[in-house]
Amino acid sequence: MSADILARLAETLEARKRSDPQDSYVARLYHKGLDAILKKVAEEAAETIMAAKDGVREKIIYETADLWFHSLVLLAQQGIHPDEVLRELARREGLSGLAEKAARPNEGVNAHE
């Protein structure tokens, strides 16, 4: 189910690139450009953090959905399909975080703690 919804959303987000910004929130974000999309992702990340601090399960789920959605908008804007991210997660599955970090090439991939 999870990969199916990501694939359907990716398809919809691609279609929104061709939509009128007057008719679609996502088309409007695309029209505004990368900075607007990044600002929205950052805003949703902050709201997710605050929801987690509040500790209200439903609020955490709601805000995480917003964060994931806007992250998918960013991926689509950058020409990256969610399957590419899922493959990367699958590649990391079963690896120690420390081992995965040590195996990263130093050319531009930021290591996250």
N, C-alpha and C. Protein backbone atom coordinates (compact mmCIF):
# COMPACT_ATOMS: atom_id res chain seq x y z
N MET A 1 0.82 -1.20 0.00
CA MET A 1 0.00 0.00 0.00
C MET A 1 0.86 1.26 0.00
N SER A 2 1.88 1.34 0.83
CA SER A 2 2.66 2.57 0.95
C SER A 2 3.35 2.96 -0.36
N ALA A 3 3.93 1.98 -1.05
CA ALA A 3 4.58 2.30 -2.32
C ALA A 3 3.54 2.70 -3.36
N ASP A 4 2.35 2.09 -3.29
CA ASP A 4 1.28 2.43 -4.24
C ASP A 4 0.86 3.89 -4.09
N ILE A 5 0.66 4.33 -2.87
CA ILE A 5 0.23 5.72 -2.67
C ILE A 5 1.33 6.68 -3.09
N LEU A 6 2.59 6.33 -2.84
CA LEU A 6 3.69 7.19 -3.27
C LEU A 6 3.73 7.28 -4.80
N ALA A 7 3.52 6.16 -5.48
CA ALA A 7 3.51 6.16 -6.94
C ALA A 7 2.36 6.99 -7.49
N ARG A 8 1.18 6.84 -6.88
CA ARG A 8 0.02 7.63 -7.33
C ARG A 8 0.25 9.12 -7.08
N LEU A 9 0.79 9.46 -5.92
CA LEU A 9 1.07 10.87 -5.64
C LEU A 9 2.11 11.42 -6.62
N ALA A 10 3.14 10.64 -6.89
CA ALA A 10 4.18 11.08 -7.83
C ALA A 10 3.58 11.37 -9.20
N GLU A 11 2.68 10.51 -9.63
CA GLU A 11 2.00 10.70 -10.91
C GLU A 11 1.17 11.98 -10.91
N THR A 12 0.43 12.20 -9.84
CA THR A 12 -0.39 13.41 -9.71
C THR A 12 0.49 14.66 -9.68
N LEU A 13 1.59 14.59 -8.93
CA LEU A 13 2.48 15.75 -8.83
C LEU A 13 3.11 16.08 -10.18
N GLU A 14 3.46 15.07 -10.95
CA GLU A 14 3.98 15.31 -12.29
C GLU A 14 2.93 15.99 -13.17
N ALA A 15 1.69 15.54 -13.06
CA ALA A 15 0.61 16.14 -13.84
C ALA A 15 0.39 17.60 -13.44
N ARG A 16 0.57 17.91 -12.18
CA ARG A 16 0.37 19.28 -11.70
C ARG A 16 1.39 20.25 -12.28
N LYS A 17 2.52 19.73 -12.75
CA LYS A 17 3.52 20.61 -13.37
C LYS A 17 2.93 21.28 -14.61
N ARG A 18 1.97 20.63 -15.22
CA ARG A 18 1.34 21.16 -16.43
C ARG A 18 0.02 21.88 -16.15
N SER A 19 -0.34 21.99 -14.88
CA SER A 19 -1.61 22.61 -14.50
C SER A 19 -1.46 24.12 -14.37
N ASP A 20 -2.58 24.78 -14.41
CA ASP A 20 -2.63 26.22 -14.23
C ASP A 20 -2.44 26.55 -12.76
N PRO A 21 -1.48 27.43 -12.44
CA PRO A 21 -1.26 27.83 -11.05
C PRO A 21 -2.49 28.45 -10.39
N GLN A 22 -3.44 28.91 -11.18
CA GLN A 22 -4.67 29.46 -10.62
C GLN A 22 -5.61 28.36 -10.13
N ASP A 23 -5.40 27.13 -10.64
CA ASP A 23 -6.32 26.04 -10.35
C ASP A 23 -5.75 24.99 -9.41
N SER A 24 -4.44 25.06 -9.12
CA SER A 24 -3.81 24.00 -8.35
C SER A 24 -2.78 24.57 -7.38
N TYR A 25 -2.91 24.18 -6.12
CA TYR A 25 -1.95 24.59 -5.10
C TYR A 25 -0.54 24.14 -5.47
N VAL A 26 -0.41 22.88 -5.90
CA VAL A 26 0.91 22.34 -6.24
C VAL A 26 1.47 23.05 -7.48
N ALA A 27 0.64 23.29 -8.48
CA ALA A 27 1.09 24.03 -9.66
C ALA A 27 1.57 25.42 -9.26
N ARG A 28 0.90 26.02 -8.32
CA ARG A 28 1.30 27.34 -7.82
C ARG A 28 2.68 27.26 -7.16
N LEU A 29 2.91 26.20 -6.37
CA LEU A 29 4.23 26.03 -5.76
C LEU A 29 5.30 25.87 -6.83
N TYR A 30 5.04 25.03 -7.82
CA TYR A 30 6.00 24.84 -8.91
C TYR A 30 6.28 26.17 -9.61
N HIS A 31 5.23 26.92 -9.86
CA HIS A 31 5.36 28.20 -10.54
C HIS A 31 6.22 29.18 -9.73
N LYS A 32 6.08 29.15 -8.42
CA LYS A 32 6.87 30.04 -7.55
C LYS A 32 8.34 29.63 -7.50
N GLY A 33 8.62 28.37 -7.74
CA GLY A 33 10.01 27.94 -7.83
C GLY A 33 10.54 27.22 -6.60
N LEU A 34 11.80 26.84 -6.71
CA LEU A 34 12.45 26.03 -5.69
C LEU A 34 12.43 26.67 -4.31
N ASP A 35 12.71 27.96 -4.22
CA ASP A 35 12.75 28.60 -2.90
C ASP A 35 11.42 28.49 -2.18
N ALA A 36 10.32 28.65 -2.89
CA ALA A 36 9.00 28.53 -2.27
C ALA A 36 8.74 27.11 -1.79
N ILE A 37 9.17 26.14 -2.60
CA ILE A 37 9.00 24.74 -2.20
C ILE A 37 9.85 24.43 -0.98
N LEU A 38 11.09 24.87 -0.98
CA LEU A 38 11.97 24.64 0.17
C LEU A 38 11.43 25.30 1.44
N LYS A 39 10.89 26.50 1.28
CA LYS A 39 10.31 27.19 2.43
C LYS A 39 9.15 26.38 3.00
N LYS A 40 8.34 25.80 2.13
CA LYS A 40 7.19 25.01 2.58
C LYS A 40 7.66 23.73 3.27
N VAL A 41 8.68 23.07 2.73
CA VAL A 41 9.21 21.86 3.38
C VAL A 41 9.74 22.22 4.77
N ALA A 42 10.47 23.32 4.88
CA ALA A 42 11.01 23.74 6.17
C ALA A 42 9.88 24.06 7.15
N GLU A 43 8.85 24.73 6.68
CA GLU A 43 7.70 25.06 7.52
C GLU A 43 7.02 23.79 8.03
N GLU A 44 6.83 22.84 7.14
CA GLU A 44 6.18 21.58 7.54
C GLU A 44 7.06 20.77 8.48
N ALA A 45 8.38 20.83 8.29
CA ALA A 45 9.29 20.14 9.21
C ALA A 45 9.19 20.74 10.60
N ALA A 46 9.14 22.06 10.67
CA ALA A 46 9.01 22.73 11.97
C ALA A 46 7.68 22.37 12.63
N GLU A 47 6.61 22.32 11.86
CA GLU A 47 5.30 21.96 12.42
C GLU A 47 5.28 20.51 12.90
N THR A 48 6.00 19.63 12.21
CA THR A 48 6.10 18.24 12.64
C THR A 48 6.87 18.15 13.95
N ILE A 49 7.93 18.90 14.06
CA ILE A 49 8.71 18.93 15.31
C ILE A 49 7.84 19.42 16.46
N MET A 50 7.10 20.47 16.23
CA MET A 50 6.25 21.02 17.31
C MET A 50 5.15 20.02 17.69
N ALA A 51 4.61 19.33 16.71
CA ALA A 51 3.58 18.32 16.99
C ALA A 51 4.18 17.21 17.85
N ALA A 52 5.39 16.80 17.52
CA ALA A 52 6.05 15.74 18.31
C ALA A 52 6.31 16.22 19.73
N LYS A 53 6.70 17.46 19.88
CA LYS A 53 6.92 18.01 21.23
C LYS A 53 5.62 18.06 22.02
N ASP A 54 4.50 18.33 21.34
CA ASP A 54 3.19 18.34 22.00
C ASP A 54 2.75 16.93 22.38
N GLY A 55 3.23 15.95 21.62
CA GLY A 55 2.94 14.56 21.94
C GLY A 55 1.54 14.08 21.61
N VAL A 56 0.84 14.80 20.74
CA VAL A 56 -0.51 14.39 20.36
C VAL A 56 -0.40 13.56 19.08
N ARG A 57 -0.67 12.27 19.20
CA ARG A 57 -0.48 11.31 18.11
C ARG A 57 -1.12 11.76 16.80
N GLU A 58 -2.38 12.16 16.82
CA GLU A 58 -3.09 12.55 15.61
C GLU A 58 -2.43 13.76 14.95
N LYS A 59 -1.96 14.69 15.77
CA LYS A 59 -1.30 15.89 15.26
C LYS A 59 0.04 15.52 14.60
N ILE A 60 0.76 14.59 15.21
CA ILE A 60 2.03 14.14 14.64
C ILE A 60 1.79 13.49 13.28
N ILE A 61 0.78 12.65 13.19
CA ILE A 61 0.45 11.98 11.93
C ILE A 61 0.08 13.01 10.87
N TYR A 62 -0.78 13.96 11.22
CA TYR A 62 -1.24 14.98 10.28
C TYR A 62 -0.07 15.81 9.76
N GLU A 63 0.77 16.27 10.67
CA GLU A 63 1.90 17.12 10.27
C GLU A 63 2.95 16.34 9.49
N THR A 64 3.15 15.08 9.85
CA THR A 64 4.10 14.25 9.09
C THR A 64 3.58 14.03 7.68
N ALA A 65 2.29 13.83 7.53
CA ALA A 65 1.71 13.69 6.19
C ALA A 65 1.97 14.96 5.36
N ASP A 66 1.80 16.13 5.98
CA ASP A 66 2.09 17.38 5.28
C ASP A 66 3.56 17.46 4.89
N LEU A 67 4.45 17.06 5.80
CA LEU A 67 5.88 17.09 5.53
C LEU A 67 6.23 16.14 4.39
N TRP A 68 5.72 14.92 4.45
CA TRP A 68 5.99 13.96 3.39
C TRP A 68 5.46 14.46 2.05
N PHE A 69 4.24 15.01 2.06
CA PHE A 69 3.64 15.51 0.82
C PHE A 69 4.53 16.59 0.19
N HIS A 70 4.94 17.55 0.99
CA HIS A 70 5.74 18.64 0.45
C HIS A 70 7.14 18.17 0.06
N SER A 71 7.63 17.14 0.74
CA SER A 71 8.90 16.53 0.32
C SER A 71 8.73 15.87 -1.05
N LEU A 72 7.58 15.25 -1.29
CA LEU A 72 7.30 14.66 -2.60
C LEU A 72 7.20 15.74 -3.68
N VAL A 73 6.64 16.90 -3.33
CA VAL A 73 6.60 18.02 -4.28
C VAL A 73 8.03 18.42 -4.64
N LEU A 74 8.89 18.51 -3.64
CA LEU A 74 10.29 18.85 -3.88
C LEU A 74 10.97 17.81 -4.78
N LEU A 75 10.76 16.54 -4.47
CA LEU A 75 11.35 15.49 -5.30
C LEU A 75 10.89 15.62 -6.75
N ALA A 76 9.60 15.80 -6.95
CA ALA A 76 9.07 15.93 -8.31
C ALA A 76 9.66 17.15 -9.02
N GLN A 77 9.77 18.24 -8.30
CA GLN A 77 10.34 19.46 -8.88
C GLN A 77 11.78 19.21 -9.33
N GLN A 78 12.48 18.34 -8.60
CA GLN A 78 13.87 18.02 -8.91
C GLN A 78 14.02 16.85 -9.88
N GLY A 79 12.88 16.30 -10.33
CA GLY A 79 12.92 15.19 -11.27
C GLY A 79 13.31 13.86 -10.65
N ILE A 80 13.01 13.71 -9.37
CA ILE A 80 13.34 12.49 -8.63
C ILE A 80 12.05 11.76 -8.29
N HIS A 81 11.96 10.50 -8.66
CA HIS A 81 10.77 9.69 -8.36
C HIS A 81 10.93 9.10 -6.96
N PRO A 82 9.84 8.97 -6.21
CA PRO A 82 9.94 8.37 -4.86
C PRO A 82 10.59 6.98 -4.86
N ASP A 83 10.47 6.24 -5.96
CA ASP A 83 11.11 4.93 -6.02
C ASP A 83 12.61 5.02 -5.83
N GLU A 84 13.21 6.13 -6.28
CA GLU A 84 14.65 6.30 -6.10
C GLU A 84 15.00 6.41 -4.61
N VAL A 85 14.17 7.09 -3.86
CA VAL A 85 14.39 7.23 -2.42
C VAL A 85 14.13 5.88 -1.74
N LEU A 86 13.08 5.19 -2.18
CA LEU A 86 12.78 3.88 -1.61
C LEU A 86 13.92 2.90 -1.87
N ARG A 87 14.52 2.96 -3.05
CA ARG A 87 15.67 2.09 -3.35
C ARG A 87 16.84 2.42 -2.43
N GLU A 88 17.04 3.70 -2.18
CA GLU A 88 18.13 4.09 -1.27
C GLU A 88 17.86 3.58 0.14
N LEU A 89 16.62 3.68 0.59
CA LEU A 89 16.28 3.14 1.91
C LEU A 89 16.48 1.63 1.95
N ALA A 90 16.09 0.96 0.87
CA ALA A 90 16.28 -0.50 0.81
C ALA A 90 17.77 -0.85 0.83
N ARG A 91 18.57 -0.05 0.15
CA ARG A 91 20.01 -0.29 0.15
C ARG A 91 20.58 -0.19 1.57
N ARG A 92 20.05 0.73 2.34
CA ARG A 92 20.54 0.95 3.70
C ARG A 92 19.98 -0.05 4.71
N GLU A 93 18.90 -0.72 4.35
CA GLU A 93 18.24 -1.63 5.28
C GLU A 93 19.22 -2.68 5.78
N GLY A 94 19.25 -2.85 7.07
CA GLY A 94 20.12 -3.85 7.68
C GLY A 94 21.53 -3.37 7.92
N LEU A 95 21.86 -2.17 7.45
CA LEU A 95 23.19 -1.61 7.70
C LEU A 95 23.18 -0.84 9.00
N SER A 96 24.24 -0.93 9.71
CA SER A 96 24.42 -0.06 10.86
C SER A 96 24.50 1.37 10.34
N GLY A 97 23.89 2.29 11.04
CA GLY A 97 23.97 3.70 10.65
C GLY A 97 25.41 4.18 10.58
N LEU A 98 26.23 3.72 11.49
CA LEU A 98 27.63 4.12 11.49
C LEU A 98 28.37 3.53 10.29
N ALA A 99 28.07 2.27 9.95
CA ALA A 99 28.70 1.64 8.80
C ALA A 99 28.26 2.32 7.51
N GLU A 100 26.96 2.64 7.41
CA GLU A 100 26.45 3.31 6.22
C GLU A 100 27.11 4.66 6.06
N LYS A 101 27.23 5.40 7.14
CA LYS A 101 27.85 6.73 7.10
C LYS A 101 29.31 6.63 6.67
N ALA A 102 30.04 5.64 7.20
CA ALA A 102 31.45 5.47 6.86
C ALA A 102 31.63 5.09 5.39
N ALA A 103 30.64 4.43 4.80
CA ALA A 103 30.75 3.96 3.42
C ALA A 103 30.39 5.04 2.39
N ARG A 104 29.89 6.17 2.85
CA ARG A 104 29.48 7.22 1.91
C ARG A 104 30.70 7.85 1.26
N PRO A 105 30.56 8.13 -0.04
CA PRO A 105 31.63 8.89 -0.70
C PRO A 105 31.61 10.32 -0.19
N ASN A 106 32.71 10.98 -0.22
CA ASN A 106 32.80 12.35 0.31
C ASN A 106 32.43 13.41 -0.70
N GLU A 107 31.97 13.01 -1.90
CA GLU A 107 31.63 14.03 -2.88
C GLU A 107 30.20 14.51 -2.76
N GLY A 108 29.98 15.42 -1.85
CA GLY A 108 28.73 16.15 -1.80
C GLY A 108 27.58 15.52 -1.05
N VAL A 109 27.70 14.29 -0.60
CA VAL A 109 26.62 13.69 0.16
C VAL A 109 26.80 14.08 1.62
N ASN A 110 25.85 14.79 2.14
CA ASN A 110 25.93 15.21 3.54
C ASN A 110 25.60 14.06 4.46
N ALA A 111 26.45 13.86 5.45
CA ALA A 111 26.20 12.82 6.45
C ALA A 111 25.28 13.39 7.49
N HIS A 112 24.26 12.64 7.83
CA HIS A 112 23.29 13.06 8.84
C HIS A 112 23.45 12.18 10.05
N GLU A 113 23.44 12.80 11.18
CA GLU A 113 23.58 12.07 12.45
C GLU A 113 22.28 11.44 12.83
